[in-house]
Amino acid sequence: MYGWMFRHLPGPLWMRIVLSVLLLAAAVVLLAQFVFPWLEQFTPLTDSTIGAAHIP
């Protein structure tokens, strides 16, 4: 898949490398801003019981 995307990017090699890095950075930003916060509500990894007071 990545080879197909790299071959279809326009320009010389240096431009394809720059575009690949920009596309990768955009994907990381989109995941961090939208997908991971939405997904967090479905995972129990952020539930903390350390320091919770137990009231009988």
PDB file of N, CA and C in Angstrom:
ATOM      1  N   MET A   1       0.821  -1.180   0.000  1.00  0.00           N
ATOM      2  CA  MET A   1       0.000   0.000   0.000  1.00  0.00           C
ATOM      3  C   MET A   1       0.871   1.252   0.000  1.00  0.00           C
ATOM      4  N   TYR A   2       1.899   1.284   0.854  1.00  0.00           N
ATOM      5  CA  TYR A   2       2.736   2.468   0.927  1.00  0.00           C
ATOM      6  C   TYR A   2       3.541   2.661  -0.353  1.00  0.00           C
ATOM      7  N   GLY A   3       3.952   1.577  -0.954  1.00  0.00           N
ATOM      8  CA  GLY A   3       4.662   1.664  -2.228  1.00  0.00           C
ATOM      9  C   GLY A   3       3.766   2.223  -3.320  1.00  0.00           C
ATOM     10  N   TRP A   4       2.514   1.807  -3.331  1.00  0.00           N
ATOM     11  CA  TRP A   4       1.562   2.321  -4.315  1.00  0.00           C
ATOM     12  C   TRP A   4       1.367   3.813  -4.125  1.00  0.00           C
ATOM     13  N   MET A   5       1.207   4.241  -2.864  1.00  0.00           N
ATOM     14  CA  MET A   5       1.022   5.673  -2.602  1.00  0.00           C
ATOM     15  C   MET A   5       2.265   6.462  -3.008  1.00  0.00           C
ATOM     16  N   PHE A   6       3.437   5.936  -2.696  1.00  0.00           N
ATOM     17  CA  PHE A   6       4.679   6.643  -3.015  1.00  0.00           C
ATOM     18  C   PHE A   6       4.863   6.773  -4.523  1.00  0.00           C
ATOM     19  N   ARG A   7       4.511   5.732  -5.250  1.00  0.00           N
ATOM     20  CA  ARG A   7       4.657   5.783  -6.715  1.00  0.00           C
ATOM     21  C   ARG A   7       3.683   6.765  -7.349  1.00  0.00           C
ATOM     22  N   HIS A   8       2.540   7.002  -6.734  1.00  0.00           N
ATOM     23  CA  HIS A   8       1.536   7.889  -7.310  1.00  0.00           C
ATOM     24  C   HIS A   8       1.660   9.345  -6.872  1.00  0.00           C
ATOM     25  N   LEU A   9       2.597   9.650  -6.001  1.00  0.00           N
ATOM     26  CA  LEU A   9       2.832  11.038  -5.629  1.00  0.00           C
ATOM     27  C   LEU A   9       3.566  11.742  -6.762  1.00  0.00           C
ATOM     28  N   PRO A  10       3.249  13.008  -7.007  1.00  0.00           N
ATOM     29  CA  PRO A  10       3.886  13.717  -8.114  1.00  0.00           C
ATOM     30  C   PRO A  10       5.283  14.218  -7.753  1.00  0.00           C
ATOM     31  N   GLY A  11       6.062  14.481  -8.774  1.00  0.00           N
ATOM     32  CA  GLY A  11       7.344  15.157  -8.587  1.00  0.00           C
ATOM     33  C   GLY A  11       8.543  14.227  -8.493  1.00  0.00           C
ATOM     34  N   PRO A  12       9.711  14.834  -8.333  1.00  0.00           N
ATOM     35  CA  PRO A  12      10.939  14.049  -8.193  1.00  0.00           C
ATOM     36  C   PRO A  12      11.009  13.383  -6.812  1.00  0.00           C
ATOM     37  N   LEU A  13      12.045  12.613  -6.616  1.00  0.00           N
ATOM     38  CA  LEU A  13      12.183  11.822  -5.393  1.00  0.00           C
ATOM     39  C   LEU A  13      12.130  12.686  -4.138  1.00  0.00           C
ATOM     40  N   TRP A  14      12.857  13.801  -4.125  1.00  0.00           N
ATOM     41  CA  TRP A  14      12.891  14.637  -2.917  1.00  0.00           C
ATOM     42  C   TRP A  14      11.502  15.189  -2.592  1.00  0.00           C
ATOM     43  N   MET A  15      10.718  15.509  -3.620  1.00  0.00           N
ATOM     44  CA  MET A  15       9.375  16.035  -3.386  1.00  0.00           C
ATOM     45  C   MET A  15       8.446  14.937  -2.877  1.00  0.00           C
ATOM     46  N   ARG A  16       8.603  13.737  -3.382  1.00  0.00           N
ATOM     47  CA  ARG A  16       7.781  12.618  -2.908  1.00  0.00           C
ATOM     48  C   ARG A  16       8.091  12.295  -1.457  1.00  0.00           C
ATOM     49  N   ILE A  17       9.359  12.422  -1.072  1.00  0.00           N
ATOM     50  CA  ILE A  17       9.732  12.184   0.325  1.00  0.00           C
ATOM     51  C   ILE A  17       9.101  13.244   1.220  1.00  0.00           C
ATOM     52  N   VAL A  18       9.170  14.515   0.806  1.00  0.00           N
ATOM     53  CA  VAL A  18       8.576  15.600   1.582  1.00  0.00           C
ATOM     54  C   VAL A  18       7.065  15.403   1.689  1.00  0.00           C
ATOM     55  N   LEU A  19       6.425  15.078   0.594  1.00  0.00           N
ATOM     56  CA  LEU A  19       4.974  14.854   0.616  1.00  0.00           C
ATOM     57  C   LEU A  19       4.608  13.660   1.497  1.00  0.00           C
ATOM     58  N   SER A  20       5.421  12.616   1.477  1.00  0.00           N
ATOM     59  CA  SER A  20       5.165  11.456   2.324  1.00  0.00           C
ATOM     60  C   SER A  20       5.248  11.828   3.798  1.00  0.00           C
ATOM     61  N   VAL A  21       6.252  12.620   4.153  1.00  0.00           N
ATOM     62  CA  VAL A  21       6.396  13.050   5.545  1.00  0.00           C
ATOM     63  C   VAL A  21       5.218  13.932   5.950  1.00  0.00           C
ATOM     64  N   LEU A  22       4.796  14.833   5.071  1.00  0.00           N
ATOM     65  CA  LEU A  22       3.649  15.695   5.371  1.00  0.00           C
ATOM     66  C   LEU A  22       2.362  14.882   5.524  1.00  0.00           C
ATOM     67  N   LEU A  23       2.164  13.906   4.659  1.00  0.00           N
ATOM     68  CA  LEU A  23       0.980  13.056   4.779  1.00  0.00           C
ATOM     69  C   LEU A  23       1.006  12.244   6.070  1.00  0.00           C
ATOM     70  N   LEU A  24       2.165  11.745   6.441  1.00  0.00           N
ATOM     71  CA  LEU A  24       2.299  11.006   7.687  1.00  0.00           C
ATOM     72  C   LEU A  24       2.020  11.909   8.888  1.00  0.00           C
ATOM     73  N   ALA A  25       2.555  13.132   8.873  1.00  0.00           N
ATOM     74  CA  ALA A  25       2.305  14.077   9.961  1.00  0.00           C
ATOM     75  C   ALA A  25       0.826  14.433  10.046  1.00  0.00           C
ATOM     76  N   ALA A  26       0.179  14.619   8.910  1.00  0.00           N
ATOM     77  CA  ALA A  26      -1.252  14.932   8.902  1.00  0.00           C
ATOM     78  C   ALA A  26      -2.058  13.769   9.473  1.00  0.00           C
ATOM     79  N   ALA A  27      -1.686  12.554   9.141  1.00  0.00           N
ATOM     80  CA  ALA A  27      -2.390  11.387   9.670  1.00  0.00           C
ATOM     81  C   ALA A  27      -2.225  11.297  11.184  1.00  0.00           C
ATOM     82  N   VAL A  28      -1.029  11.563  11.690  1.00  0.00           N
ATOM     83  CA  VAL A  28      -0.790  11.523  13.136  1.00  0.00           C
ATOM     84  C   VAL A  28      -1.609  12.597  13.846  1.00  0.00           C
ATOM     85  N   VAL A  29      -1.638  13.812  13.290  1.00  0.00           N
ATOM     86  CA  VAL A  29      -2.402  14.901  13.900  1.00  0.00           C
ATOM     87  C   VAL A  29      -3.887  14.567  13.915  1.00  0.00           C
ATOM     88  N   LEU A  30      -4.411  14.055  12.819  1.00  0.00           N
ATOM     89  CA  LEU A  30      -5.837  13.701  12.766  1.00  0.00           C
ATOM     90  C   LEU A  30      -6.180  12.597  13.763  1.00  0.00           C
ATOM     91  N   LEU A  31      -5.303  11.610  13.882  1.00  0.00           N
ATOM     92  CA  LEU A  31      -5.548  10.551  14.855  1.00  0.00           C
ATOM     93  C   LEU A  31      -5.523  11.095  16.277  1.00  0.00           C
ATOM     94  N   ALA A  32      -4.531  11.938  16.592  1.00  0.00           N
ATOM     95  CA  ALA A  32      -4.391  12.471  17.944  1.00  0.00           C
ATOM     96  C   ALA A  32      -5.518  13.437  18.300  1.00  0.00           C
ATOM     97  N   GLN A  33      -6.021  14.181  17.341  1.00  0.00           N
ATOM     98  CA  GLN A  33      -7.047  15.178  17.627  1.00  0.00           C
ATOM     99  C   GLN A  33      -8.471  14.620  17.639  1.00  0.00           C
ATOM    100  N   PHE A  34      -8.748  13.645  16.810  1.00  0.00           N
ATOM    101  CA  PHE A  34     -10.132  13.197  16.649  1.00  0.00           C
ATOM    102  C   PHE A  34     -10.361  11.727  16.997  1.00  0.00           C
ATOM    103  N   VAL A  35      -9.544  10.844  16.498  1.00  0.00           N
ATOM    104  CA  VAL A  35      -9.822   9.411  16.663  1.00  0.00           C
ATOM    105  C   VAL A  35      -9.502   8.929  18.074  1.00  0.00           C
ATOM    106  N   PHE A  36      -8.313   9.248  18.603  1.00  0.00           N
ATOM    107  CA  PHE A  36      -7.936   8.749  19.918  1.00  0.00           C
ATOM    108  C   PHE A  36      -8.813   9.296  21.038  1.00  0.00           C
ATOM    109  N   PRO A  37      -9.184  10.592  21.048  1.00  0.00           N
ATOM    110  CA  PRO A  37     -10.108  11.044  22.099  1.00  0.00           C
ATOM    111  C   PRO A  37     -11.475  10.355  22.019  1.00  0.00           C
ATOM    112  N   TRP A  38     -11.973  10.113  20.832  1.00  0.00           N
ATOM    113  CA  TRP A  38     -13.247   9.415  20.676  1.00  0.00           C
ATOM    114  C   TRP A  38     -13.123   7.972  21.166  1.00  0.00           C
ATOM    115  N   LEU A  39     -12.002   7.330  20.841  1.00  0.00           N
ATOM    116  CA  LEU A  39     -11.788   5.935  21.214  1.00  0.00           C
ATOM    117  C   LEU A  39     -11.557   5.769  22.707  1.00  0.00           C
ATOM    118  N   GLU A  40     -11.095   6.808  23.373  1.00  0.00           N
ATOM    119  CA  GLU A  40     -10.777   6.734  24.795  1.00  0.00           C
ATOM    120  C   GLU A  40     -11.993   6.371  25.647  1.00  0.00           C
ATOM    121  N   GLN A  41     -13.165   6.778  25.238  1.00  0.00           N
ATOM    122  CA  GLN A  41     -14.363   6.493  26.020  1.00  0.00           C
ATOM    123  C   GLN A  41     -14.703   5.010  26.051  1.00  0.00           C
ATOM    124  N   PHE A  42     -14.157   4.239  25.141  1.00  0.00           N
ATOM    125  CA  PHE A  42     -14.451   2.812  25.072  1.00  0.00           C
ATOM    126  C   PHE A  42     -13.392   1.938  25.735  1.00  0.00           C
ATOM    127  N   THR A  43     -12.309   2.537  26.233  1.00  0.00           N
ATOM    128  CA  THR A  43     -11.240   1.764  26.851  1.00  0.00           C
ATOM    129  C   THR A  43     -11.193   2.024  28.349  1.00  0.00           C
ATOM    130  N   PRO A  44     -10.936   1.002  29.137  1.00  0.00           N
ATOM    131  CA  PRO A  44     -10.861   1.181  30.589  1.00  0.00           C
ATOM    132  C   PRO A  44      -9.458   1.603  31.054  1.00  0.00           C
ATOM    133  N   LEU A  45      -8.571   1.962  30.156  1.00  0.00           N
ATOM    134  CA  LEU A  45      -7.190   2.259  30.527  1.00  0.00           C
ATOM    135  C   LEU A  45      -7.055   3.539  31.336  1.00  0.00           C
ATOM    136  N   THR A  46      -8.006   4.450  31.244  1.00  0.00           N
ATOM    137  CA  THR A  46      -7.901   5.712  31.962  1.00  0.00           C
ATOM    138  C   THR A  46      -8.625   5.685  33.308  1.00  0.00           C
ATOM    139  N   ASP A  47      -9.278   4.585  33.626  1.00  0.00           N
ATOM    140  CA  ASP A  47      -9.951   4.460  34.916  1.00  0.00           C
ATOM    141  C   ASP A  47      -8.902   4.177  35.984  1.00  0.00           C
ATOM    142  N   SER A  48      -8.816   5.053  36.963  1.00  0.00           N
ATOM    143  CA  SER A  48      -7.816   4.918  38.011  1.00  0.00           C
ATOM    144  C   SER A  48      -8.501   4.672  39.344  1.00  0.00           C
ATOM    145  N   THR A  49      -7.972   3.707  40.093  1.00  0.00           N
ATOM    146  CA  THR A  49      -8.482   3.448  41.430  1.00  0.00           C
ATOM    147  C   THR A  49      -7.438   3.768  42.490  1.00  0.00           C
ATOM    148  N   ILE A  50      -6.283   4.233  42.085  1.00  0.00           N
ATOM    149  CA  ILE A  50      -5.229   4.577  43.037  1.00  0.00           C
ATOM    150  C   ILE A  50      -5.642   5.842  43.772  1.00  0.00           C
ATOM    151  N   GLY A  51      -5.608   5.796  45.077  1.00  0.00           N
ATOM    152  CA  GLY A  51      -5.960   6.956  45.878  1.00  0.00           C
ATOM    153  C   GLY A  51      -7.456   7.113  46.107  1.00  0.00           C
ATOM    154  N   ALA A  52      -8.254   6.213  45.618  1.00  0.00           N
ATOM    155  CA  ALA A  52      -9.695   6.302  45.823  1.00  0.00           C
ATOM    156  C   ALA A  52     -10.024   5.877  47.249  1.00  0.00           C
ATOM    157  N   ALA A  53     -10.821   6.677  47.910  1.00  0.00           N
ATOM    158  CA  ALA A  53     -11.210   6.364  49.282  1.00  0.00           C
ATOM    159  C   ALA A  53     -12.294   5.311  49.288  1.00  0.00           C
ATOM    160  N   HIS A  54     -12.106   4.349  50.145  1.00  0.00           N
ATOM    161  CA  HIS A  54     -13.107   3.284  50.281  1.00  0.00           C
ATOM    162  C   HIS A  54     -13.990   3.623  51.470  1.00  0.00           C
ATOM    163  N   ILE A  55     -15.241   3.883  51.228  1.00  0.00           N
ATOM    164  CA  ILE A  55     -16.178   4.220  52.297  1.00  0.00           C
ATOM    165  C   ILE A  55     -17.080   3.030  52.520  1.00  0.00           C
ATOM    166  N   PRO A  56     -17.024   2.432  53.723  1.00  0.00           N
ATOM    167  CA  PRO A  56     -17.839   1.232  53.968  1.00  0.00           C
ATOM    168  C   PRO A  56     -19.297   1.530  54.145  1.00  0.00           C
TER     169      PRO A  56
END
